[in-house]
């Protein structure tokens, strides 16, 4: 199912955005001329209970060691072939951050600001949606945790993300 169809079926207000192909969330922010803190990215992880989706600002990186401690077992980034299997209705390398659409539990980093509008990747590198954060959290039933590290030079160390 396409992200736009999913949001429409769930009666969520959103704006579809078409932009030049952006292969990173930071590039999407630049193309759209908005702060990377307002662009949320999805990162597919493999944890102790299987796949899960981490959602965090484009400016941040997943701290897999911290998540492993929180979840009680090893956590790693999914490999490209795993991305292709899970998101088989999407352009290669695309990770829509809508866990329920793919049967994935969702973790949302606390650095995403409640009450703000956020931009999220849809089914291709040239599609995004803008929606209210509160609607996103309610839709995904995501668990809010602090598991991301901010950009270098801003007082927060970066964790490897790949």
N, C-alpha and C. Protein backbone atom coordinates (compact mmCIF):
# COMPACT_ATOMS: atom_id res chain seq x y z
N UNK A 1 0.85 -1.18 0.00
CA UNK A 1 0.00 0.00 0.00
C UNK A 1 0.89 1.24 0.00
N UNK A 2 0.52 2.20 -0.75
CA UNK A 2 1.26 3.46 -0.82
C UNK A 2 1.03 4.26 0.47
N UNK A 3 2.05 5.04 0.86
CA UNK A 3 1.96 5.84 2.08
C UNK A 3 0.77 6.78 2.02
N UNK A 4 0.57 7.47 0.91
CA UNK A 4 -0.55 8.41 0.79
C UNK A 4 -1.88 7.70 0.97
N UNK A 5 -2.02 6.50 0.40
CA UNK A 5 -3.27 5.74 0.56
C UNK A 5 -3.47 5.34 2.02
N UNK A 6 -2.40 4.91 2.67
CA UNK A 6 -2.44 4.53 4.08
C UNK A 6 -2.91 5.70 4.94
N UNK A 7 -2.32 6.88 4.72
CA UNK A 7 -2.69 8.05 5.51
C UNK A 7 -4.14 8.45 5.24
N UNK A 8 -4.56 8.38 3.99
CA UNK A 8 -5.94 8.70 3.65
C UNK A 8 -6.90 7.72 4.32
N UNK A 9 -6.58 6.43 4.25
CA UNK A 9 -7.43 5.41 4.89
C UNK A 9 -7.54 5.63 6.40
N UNK A 10 -6.47 6.14 7.01
CA UNK A 10 -6.46 6.38 8.45
C UNK A 10 -7.02 7.76 8.81
N UNK A 11 -7.49 8.50 7.79
CA UNK A 11 -8.07 9.84 7.95
C UNK A 11 -7.09 10.80 8.62
N UNK A 12 -5.84 10.76 8.15
CA UNK A 12 -4.78 11.65 8.65
C UNK A 12 -4.58 12.77 7.63
N UNK A 13 -4.57 14.00 8.10
CA UNK A 13 -4.29 15.13 7.22
C UNK A 13 -2.80 15.15 6.90
N UNK A 14 -2.47 15.33 5.61
CA UNK A 14 -1.08 15.39 5.19
C UNK A 14 -0.98 16.15 3.88
N UNK A 15 0.22 16.54 3.57
CA UNK A 15 0.50 17.19 2.29
C UNK A 15 1.52 16.33 1.56
N UNK A 16 1.23 15.95 0.32
CA UNK A 16 2.20 15.23 -0.51
C UNK A 16 3.19 16.23 -1.09
N UNK A 17 4.46 15.86 -1.09
CA UNK A 17 5.50 16.72 -1.61
C UNK A 17 6.34 15.93 -2.60
N UNK A 18 6.46 16.44 -3.82
CA UNK A 18 7.35 15.85 -4.81
C UNK A 18 8.58 16.75 -4.90
N UNK A 19 9.76 16.14 -4.89
CA UNK A 19 11.01 16.91 -4.89
C UNK A 19 12.05 16.15 -5.71
N UNK A 20 13.18 16.77 -6.03
CA UNK A 20 14.23 16.03 -6.74
C UNK A 20 14.64 14.81 -5.90
N UNK A 21 15.07 13.74 -6.54
CA UNK A 21 15.46 12.55 -5.78
C UNK A 21 16.49 12.87 -4.69
N UNK A 22 16.18 12.45 -3.48
CA UNK A 22 17.05 12.68 -2.32
C UNK A 22 17.34 11.32 -1.69
N UNK A 23 18.61 10.95 -1.71
CA UNK A 23 18.99 9.63 -1.21
C UNK A 23 19.38 9.65 0.26
N UNK A 24 19.32 10.81 0.88
CA UNK A 24 19.51 10.93 2.33
C UNK A 24 18.47 11.91 2.85
N UNK A 25 18.15 11.80 4.12
CA UNK A 25 17.17 12.70 4.72
C UNK A 25 17.71 14.12 4.82
N UNK A 26 19.02 14.27 4.99
CA UNK A 26 19.61 15.60 5.03
C UNK A 26 19.48 16.29 3.68
N UNK A 27 19.67 15.52 2.61
CA UNK A 27 19.51 16.10 1.27
C UNK A 27 18.05 16.49 1.03
N UNK A 28 17.12 15.68 1.54
CA UNK A 28 15.70 16.02 1.42
C UNK A 28 15.44 17.37 2.11
N UNK A 29 16.00 17.56 3.29
CA UNK A 29 15.84 18.82 4.01
C UNK A 29 16.38 19.98 3.18
N UNK A 30 17.55 19.79 2.58
CA UNK A 30 18.14 20.87 1.76
C UNK A 30 17.25 21.18 0.56
N UNK A 31 16.78 20.14 -0.15
CA UNK A 31 15.91 20.37 -1.31
C UNK A 31 14.65 21.12 -0.92
N UNK A 32 14.11 20.81 0.25
CA UNK A 32 12.86 21.43 0.68
C UNK A 32 13.08 22.72 1.47
N UNK A 33 14.34 23.06 1.68
CA UNK A 33 14.73 24.29 2.39
C UNK A 33 14.11 24.37 3.78
N UNK A 34 14.23 23.25 4.51
CA UNK A 34 13.76 23.22 5.89
C UNK A 34 14.86 22.61 6.77
N UNK A 35 14.76 22.84 8.04
CA UNK A 35 15.73 22.30 8.99
C UNK A 35 15.69 20.78 8.99
N UNK A 36 16.86 20.16 9.08
CA UNK A 36 16.93 18.71 9.20
C UNK A 36 16.25 18.19 10.45
N UNK A 37 16.05 19.05 11.44
CA UNK A 37 15.33 18.63 12.65
C UNK A 37 13.83 18.45 12.39
N UNK A 38 13.34 19.00 11.27
CA UNK A 38 11.93 18.88 10.90
C UNK A 38 11.69 17.74 9.90
N UNK A 39 12.78 17.11 9.46
CA UNK A 39 12.67 15.96 8.56
C UNK A 39 12.97 14.72 9.38
N UNK A 40 11.99 13.83 9.47
CA UNK A 40 12.18 12.60 10.23
C UNK A 40 12.55 11.48 9.26
N UNK A 41 13.52 10.67 9.67
CA UNK A 41 13.92 9.54 8.84
C UNK A 41 13.61 8.24 9.56
N UNK A 42 13.38 7.22 8.77
CA UNK A 42 13.19 5.88 9.31
C UNK A 42 14.46 5.09 9.11
N UNK A 43 14.81 4.29 10.11
CA UNK A 43 15.97 3.41 10.04
C UNK A 43 15.50 2.02 10.44
N UNK A 44 15.64 1.06 9.54
CA UNK A 44 15.25 -0.31 9.84
C UNK A 44 16.36 -0.96 10.65
N UNK A 45 15.98 -1.53 11.78
CA UNK A 45 16.93 -2.19 12.67
C UNK A 45 16.51 -3.64 12.89
N UNK A 46 17.48 -4.46 13.23
CA UNK A 46 17.22 -5.83 13.66
C UNK A 46 17.59 -5.89 15.13
N UNK A 47 16.60 -6.19 15.98
CA UNK A 47 16.82 -6.25 17.42
C UNK A 47 16.57 -7.64 17.96
N UNK A 48 16.57 -7.76 19.28
CA UNK A 48 16.40 -9.08 19.89
C UNK A 48 15.06 -9.75 19.55
N UNK A 49 14.04 -8.98 19.25
CA UNK A 49 12.72 -9.54 18.93
C UNK A 49 12.40 -9.49 17.44
N UNK A 50 13.37 -9.13 16.60
CA UNK A 50 13.14 -9.04 15.16
C UNK A 50 13.31 -7.63 14.65
N UNK A 51 12.70 -7.34 13.51
CA UNK A 51 12.83 -6.01 12.91
C UNK A 51 12.03 -4.98 13.69
N UNK A 52 12.55 -3.76 13.70
CA UNK A 52 11.83 -2.63 14.25
C UNK A 52 12.25 -1.39 13.48
N UNK A 53 11.43 -0.38 13.57
CA UNK A 53 11.67 0.85 12.84
C UNK A 53 11.97 1.96 13.83
N UNK A 54 13.13 2.58 13.67
CA UNK A 54 13.50 3.73 14.49
C UNK A 54 13.24 4.99 13.67
N UNK A 55 12.63 5.99 14.30
CA UNK A 55 12.32 7.24 13.62
C UNK A 55 12.98 8.36 14.41
N UNK A 56 13.76 9.20 13.71
CA UNK A 56 14.55 10.24 14.35
C UNK A 56 14.77 11.38 13.39
N UNK A 57 15.22 12.54 13.89
CA UNK A 57 15.48 13.66 12.97
C UNK A 57 16.60 13.34 11.99
N UNK A 58 16.56 13.96 10.82
CA UNK A 58 17.60 13.77 9.81
C UNK A 58 18.97 14.13 10.34
N UNK A 59 19.03 15.03 11.30
CA UNK A 59 20.31 15.50 11.84
C UNK A 59 20.94 14.54 12.83
N UNK A 60 20.25 13.49 13.21
CA UNK A 60 20.71 12.57 14.25
C UNK A 60 21.06 11.20 13.69
N UNK A 61 21.69 10.40 14.54
CA UNK A 61 22.10 9.03 14.20
C UNK A 61 21.64 8.08 15.30
N UNK A 62 21.31 6.86 14.93
CA UNK A 62 20.89 5.85 15.89
C UNK A 62 22.10 5.38 16.71
N UNK A 63 21.93 5.34 18.01
CA UNK A 63 22.95 4.78 18.91
C UNK A 63 22.53 3.34 19.17
N UNK A 64 23.06 2.41 18.37
CA UNK A 64 22.64 1.01 18.48
C UNK A 64 23.06 0.39 19.81
N UNK A 65 24.19 0.82 20.38
CA UNK A 65 24.62 0.27 21.67
C UNK A 65 23.63 0.67 22.77
N UNK A 66 23.19 1.91 22.74
CA UNK A 66 22.21 2.38 23.72
C UNK A 66 20.88 1.63 23.56
N UNK A 67 20.45 1.46 22.32
CA UNK A 67 19.20 0.72 22.08
C UNK A 67 19.34 -0.73 22.52
N UNK A 68 20.48 -1.34 22.31
CA UNK A 68 20.70 -2.72 22.74
C UNK A 68 20.53 -2.86 24.25
N UNK A 69 21.03 -1.88 25.00
CA UNK A 69 20.86 -1.91 26.45
C UNK A 69 19.38 -1.75 26.82
N UNK A 70 18.68 -0.86 26.12
CA UNK A 70 17.26 -0.63 26.41
C UNK A 70 16.39 -1.84 26.07
N UNK A 71 16.74 -2.52 24.97
CA UNK A 71 15.92 -3.62 24.47
C UNK A 71 16.37 -4.99 24.97
N UNK A 72 17.50 -5.04 25.65
CA UNK A 72 17.95 -6.29 26.24
C UNK A 72 18.59 -7.28 25.29
N UNK A 73 19.22 -6.79 24.24
CA UNK A 73 19.91 -7.69 23.31
C UNK A 73 20.50 -6.91 22.16
N UNK A 74 21.24 -7.59 21.30
CA UNK A 74 21.93 -6.89 20.21
C UNK A 74 20.97 -6.19 19.25
N UNK A 75 21.42 -5.04 18.77
CA UNK A 75 20.67 -4.25 17.79
C UNK A 75 21.66 -3.88 16.69
N UNK A 76 21.24 -4.08 15.45
CA UNK A 76 22.09 -3.71 14.32
C UNK A 76 21.26 -3.07 13.23
N UNK A 77 21.94 -2.33 12.36
CA UNK A 77 21.28 -1.78 11.18
C UNK A 77 20.93 -2.92 10.22
N UNK A 78 19.78 -2.83 9.60
CA UNK A 78 19.40 -3.82 8.61
C UNK A 78 20.29 -3.68 7.38
N UNK A 79 20.52 -4.79 6.72
CA UNK A 79 21.31 -4.80 5.49
C UNK A 79 20.43 -4.41 4.31
N UNK A 80 21.05 -3.96 3.22
CA UNK A 80 20.25 -3.54 2.05
C UNK A 80 19.26 -4.60 1.57
N UNK A 81 19.65 -5.88 1.56
CA UNK A 81 18.72 -6.93 1.10
C UNK A 81 17.52 -7.04 2.04
N UNK A 82 17.74 -6.77 3.35
CA UNK A 82 16.64 -6.81 4.30
C UNK A 82 15.68 -5.64 4.06
N UNK A 83 16.25 -4.47 3.74
CA UNK A 83 15.41 -3.32 3.40
C UNK A 83 14.51 -3.65 2.22
N UNK A 84 15.10 -4.26 1.19
CA UNK A 84 14.34 -4.60 -0.01
C UNK A 84 13.22 -5.59 0.30
N UNK A 85 13.45 -6.53 1.22
CA UNK A 85 12.43 -7.51 1.58
C UNK A 85 11.28 -6.86 2.37
N UNK A 86 11.63 -6.03 3.35
CA UNK A 86 10.61 -5.42 4.21
C UNK A 86 9.81 -4.37 3.45
N UNK A 87 10.49 -3.52 2.68
CA UNK A 87 9.84 -2.42 1.97
C UNK A 87 9.75 -2.75 0.49
N UNK A 88 9.16 -3.89 0.18
CA UNK A 88 9.14 -4.39 -1.19
C UNK A 88 8.20 -3.61 -2.12
N UNK A 89 7.42 -2.70 -1.60
CA UNK A 89 6.55 -1.87 -2.44
C UNK A 89 7.16 -0.50 -2.69
N UNK A 90 8.43 -0.34 -2.29
CA UNK A 90 9.10 0.96 -2.37
C UNK A 90 10.30 0.91 -3.31
N UNK A 91 10.72 2.08 -3.73
CA UNK A 91 11.95 2.21 -4.49
C UNK A 91 13.10 1.70 -3.61
N UNK A 92 14.08 1.04 -4.22
CA UNK A 92 15.21 0.46 -3.49
C UNK A 92 15.87 1.50 -2.58
N UNK A 93 16.05 1.14 -1.32
CA UNK A 93 16.72 2.02 -0.35
C UNK A 93 15.80 2.97 0.38
N UNK A 94 14.53 2.98 0.04
CA UNK A 94 13.58 3.86 0.70
C UNK A 94 13.06 3.20 1.97
N UNK A 95 12.96 3.99 3.05
CA UNK A 95 12.47 3.49 4.33
C UNK A 95 11.36 4.41 4.84
N UNK A 96 10.11 4.16 4.44
CA UNK A 96 9.01 4.98 4.97
C UNK A 96 8.88 4.73 6.47
N UNK A 97 8.83 5.77 7.28
CA UNK A 97 8.83 5.57 8.74
C UNK A 97 7.45 5.29 9.34
N UNK A 98 6.65 4.50 8.66
CA UNK A 98 5.31 4.17 9.11
C UNK A 98 5.25 2.69 9.47
N UNK A 99 5.70 2.35 10.66
CA UNK A 99 5.79 0.96 11.11
C UNK A 99 4.54 0.14 10.92
N UNK A 100 3.34 0.64 11.32
CA UNK A 100 2.12 -0.17 11.18
C UNK A 100 1.83 -0.59 9.74
N UNK A 101 2.24 0.21 8.78
CA UNK A 101 2.02 -0.12 7.37
C UNK A 101 2.78 -1.38 6.99
N UNK A 102 3.89 -1.67 7.69
CA UNK A 102 4.73 -2.82 7.38
C UNK A 102 4.77 -3.84 8.53
N UNK A 103 3.88 -3.71 9.50
CA UNK A 103 3.83 -4.65 10.60
C UNK A 103 5.04 -4.55 11.53
N UNK A 104 5.62 -3.35 11.65
CA UNK A 104 6.83 -3.16 12.46
C UNK A 104 6.55 -2.32 13.69
N UNK A 105 7.08 -2.74 14.85
CA UNK A 105 7.02 -1.85 16.01
C UNK A 105 7.87 -0.61 15.71
N UNK A 106 7.46 0.52 16.23
CA UNK A 106 8.11 1.78 15.93
C UNK A 106 8.63 2.44 17.21
N UNK A 107 9.88 2.87 17.14
CA UNK A 107 10.48 3.66 18.22
C UNK A 107 10.68 5.07 17.68
N UNK A 108 10.29 6.06 18.45
CA UNK A 108 10.41 7.46 18.03
C UNK A 108 11.36 8.15 18.99
N UNK A 109 12.39 8.78 18.46
CA UNK A 109 13.34 9.46 19.34
C UNK A 109 12.69 10.70 19.94
N UNK A 110 12.99 10.93 21.22
CA UNK A 110 12.41 12.06 21.95
C UNK A 110 12.83 13.42 21.39
N UNK A 111 13.86 13.46 20.56
CA UNK A 111 14.28 14.75 20.01
C UNK A 111 13.33 15.27 18.93
N UNK A 112 12.42 14.44 18.42
CA UNK A 112 11.38 14.95 17.51
C UNK A 112 10.38 15.73 18.35
N UNK A 113 10.09 16.94 17.91
CA UNK A 113 9.29 17.86 18.72
C UNK A 113 7.79 17.63 18.55
N UNK A 114 7.12 17.29 19.66
CA UNK A 114 5.65 17.19 19.61
C UNK A 114 5.07 18.57 19.25
N UNK A 115 4.00 18.55 18.50
CA UNK A 115 3.34 19.80 18.13
C UNK A 115 3.87 20.41 16.85
N UNK A 116 4.99 19.91 16.33
CA UNK A 116 5.57 20.46 15.11
C UNK A 116 5.07 19.69 13.90
N UNK A 117 5.18 20.30 12.74
CA UNK A 117 4.94 19.59 11.49
C UNK A 117 6.27 18.92 11.11
N UNK A 118 6.18 17.69 10.60
CA UNK A 118 7.38 16.98 10.20
C UNK A 118 7.21 16.49 8.77
N UNK A 119 8.34 16.28 8.10
CA UNK A 119 8.37 15.76 6.74
C UNK A 119 8.96 14.36 6.81
N UNK A 120 8.32 13.42 6.11
CA UNK A 120 8.71 12.01 6.15
C UNK A 120 8.81 11.45 4.75
N UNK A 121 9.73 10.53 4.55
CA UNK A 121 9.88 9.87 3.26
C UNK A 121 8.65 9.02 2.97
N UNK A 122 8.26 8.98 1.70
CA UNK A 122 7.13 8.14 1.30
C UNK A 122 7.69 6.89 0.61
N UNK A 123 7.19 6.54 -0.58
CA UNK A 123 7.59 5.28 -1.22
C UNK A 123 8.73 5.40 -2.21
N UNK A 124 9.25 6.60 -2.42
CA UNK A 124 10.38 6.77 -3.34
C UNK A 124 11.27 7.89 -2.83
N UNK A 125 12.42 8.01 -3.45
CA UNK A 125 13.38 9.04 -3.05
C UNK A 125 12.94 10.44 -3.48
N UNK A 126 11.86 10.53 -4.26
CA UNK A 126 11.38 11.82 -4.74
C UNK A 126 9.99 12.17 -4.18
N UNK A 127 9.53 11.41 -3.19
CA UNK A 127 8.22 11.64 -2.58
C UNK A 127 8.38 11.80 -1.08
N UNK A 128 7.64 12.75 -0.53
CA UNK A 128 7.61 12.93 0.92
C UNK A 128 6.20 13.37 1.31
N UNK A 129 5.94 13.30 2.60
CA UNK A 129 4.68 13.81 3.14
C UNK A 129 5.00 14.72 4.32
N UNK A 130 4.20 15.76 4.45
CA UNK A 130 4.29 16.65 5.61
C UNK A 130 3.03 16.45 6.43
N UNK A 131 3.21 16.24 7.73
CA UNK A 131 2.06 16.01 8.60
C UNK A 131 2.39 16.48 10.01
N UNK A 132 1.38 16.54 10.83
CA UNK A 132 1.55 16.94 12.22
C UNK A 132 2.19 15.79 12.99
N UNK A 133 3.18 16.12 13.83
CA UNK A 133 3.86 15.10 14.62
C UNK A 133 2.87 14.31 15.48
N UNK A 134 1.92 14.97 16.11
CA UNK A 134 0.97 14.29 16.99
C UNK A 134 0.19 13.23 16.22
N UNK A 135 -0.20 13.53 14.97
CA UNK A 135 -0.89 12.54 14.15
C UNK A 135 0.04 11.36 13.83
N UNK A 136 1.31 11.67 13.55
CA UNK A 136 2.28 10.61 13.27
C UNK A 136 2.43 9.67 14.47
N UNK A 137 2.60 10.25 15.65
CA UNK A 137 2.79 9.43 16.85
C UNK A 137 1.55 8.58 17.14
N UNK A 138 0.38 9.18 16.99
CA UNK A 138 -0.87 8.45 17.23
C UNK A 138 -1.03 7.31 16.21
N UNK A 139 -0.74 7.59 14.95
CA UNK A 139 -0.87 6.60 13.89
C UNK A 139 0.08 5.43 14.08
N UNK A 140 1.32 5.72 14.40
CA UNK A 140 2.32 4.64 14.52
C UNK A 140 2.28 3.96 15.87
N UNK A 141 1.64 4.59 16.86
CA UNK A 141 1.65 4.09 18.23
C UNK A 141 3.09 3.84 18.67
N UNK A 142 3.96 4.75 18.23
CA UNK A 142 5.38 4.62 18.50
C UNK A 142 5.72 4.83 19.97
N UNK A 143 6.73 4.15 20.39
CA UNK A 143 7.25 4.27 21.75
C UNK A 143 8.34 5.34 21.75
N UNK A 144 8.15 6.40 22.53
CA UNK A 144 9.12 7.50 22.60
C UNK A 144 10.25 7.13 23.55
N UNK A 145 11.47 7.19 23.03
CA UNK A 145 12.68 6.92 23.79
C UNK A 145 13.77 7.88 23.35
N UNK A 146 14.81 7.99 24.15
CA UNK A 146 15.99 8.76 23.72
C UNK A 146 17.03 7.74 23.29
N UNK A 147 17.19 7.56 21.95
CA UNK A 147 18.13 6.58 21.44
C UNK A 147 19.04 7.13 20.34
N UNK A 148 18.93 8.42 20.06
CA UNK A 148 19.71 9.01 18.97
C UNK A 148 20.74 9.99 19.51
N UNK A 149 21.76 10.19 18.72
CA UNK A 149 22.82 11.16 19.03
C UNK A 149 22.77 12.24 17.97
N UNK A 150 23.00 13.47 18.40
CA UNK A 150 22.95 14.61 17.49
C UNK A 150 24.19 14.75 16.64
N UNK A 151 24.19 15.76 15.81
CA UNK A 151 25.32 15.98 14.90
C UNK A 151 26.60 16.32 15.64
N UNK A 152 27.71 15.98 15.02
CA UNK A 152 29.02 16.30 15.60
C UNK A 152 29.14 17.81 15.77
N UNK A 153 29.86 18.20 16.80
CA UNK A 153 30.10 19.62 17.02
C UNK A 153 28.98 20.31 17.75
N UNK A 154 27.97 19.60 18.18
CA UNK A 154 26.86 20.21 18.88
C UNK A 154 26.69 19.61 20.28
N UNK A 155 27.80 19.11 20.83
CA UNK A 155 27.77 18.62 22.18
C UNK A 155 27.27 17.21 22.35
N UNK A 156 26.89 16.55 21.25
CA UNK A 156 26.40 15.19 21.34
C UNK A 156 27.24 14.34 20.40
N UNK A 157 27.82 13.22 20.90
CA UNK A 157 28.62 12.37 20.02
C UNK A 157 27.74 11.66 19.01
N UNK A 158 28.26 11.40 17.84
CA UNK A 158 27.54 10.64 16.82
C UNK A 158 27.86 9.17 16.99
N UNK A 159 26.87 8.34 16.84
CA UNK A 159 27.08 6.89 16.81
C UNK A 159 27.13 6.48 15.35
N UNK A 160 27.81 5.40 15.08
CA UNK A 160 27.88 4.91 13.70
C UNK A 160 26.50 4.48 13.26
N UNK A 161 26.16 4.81 12.04
CA UNK A 161 24.84 4.42 11.53
C UNK A 161 24.92 3.78 10.16
N UNK A 162 25.93 4.05 9.43
CA UNK A 162 26.05 3.42 8.11
C UNK A 162 25.43 4.20 7.02
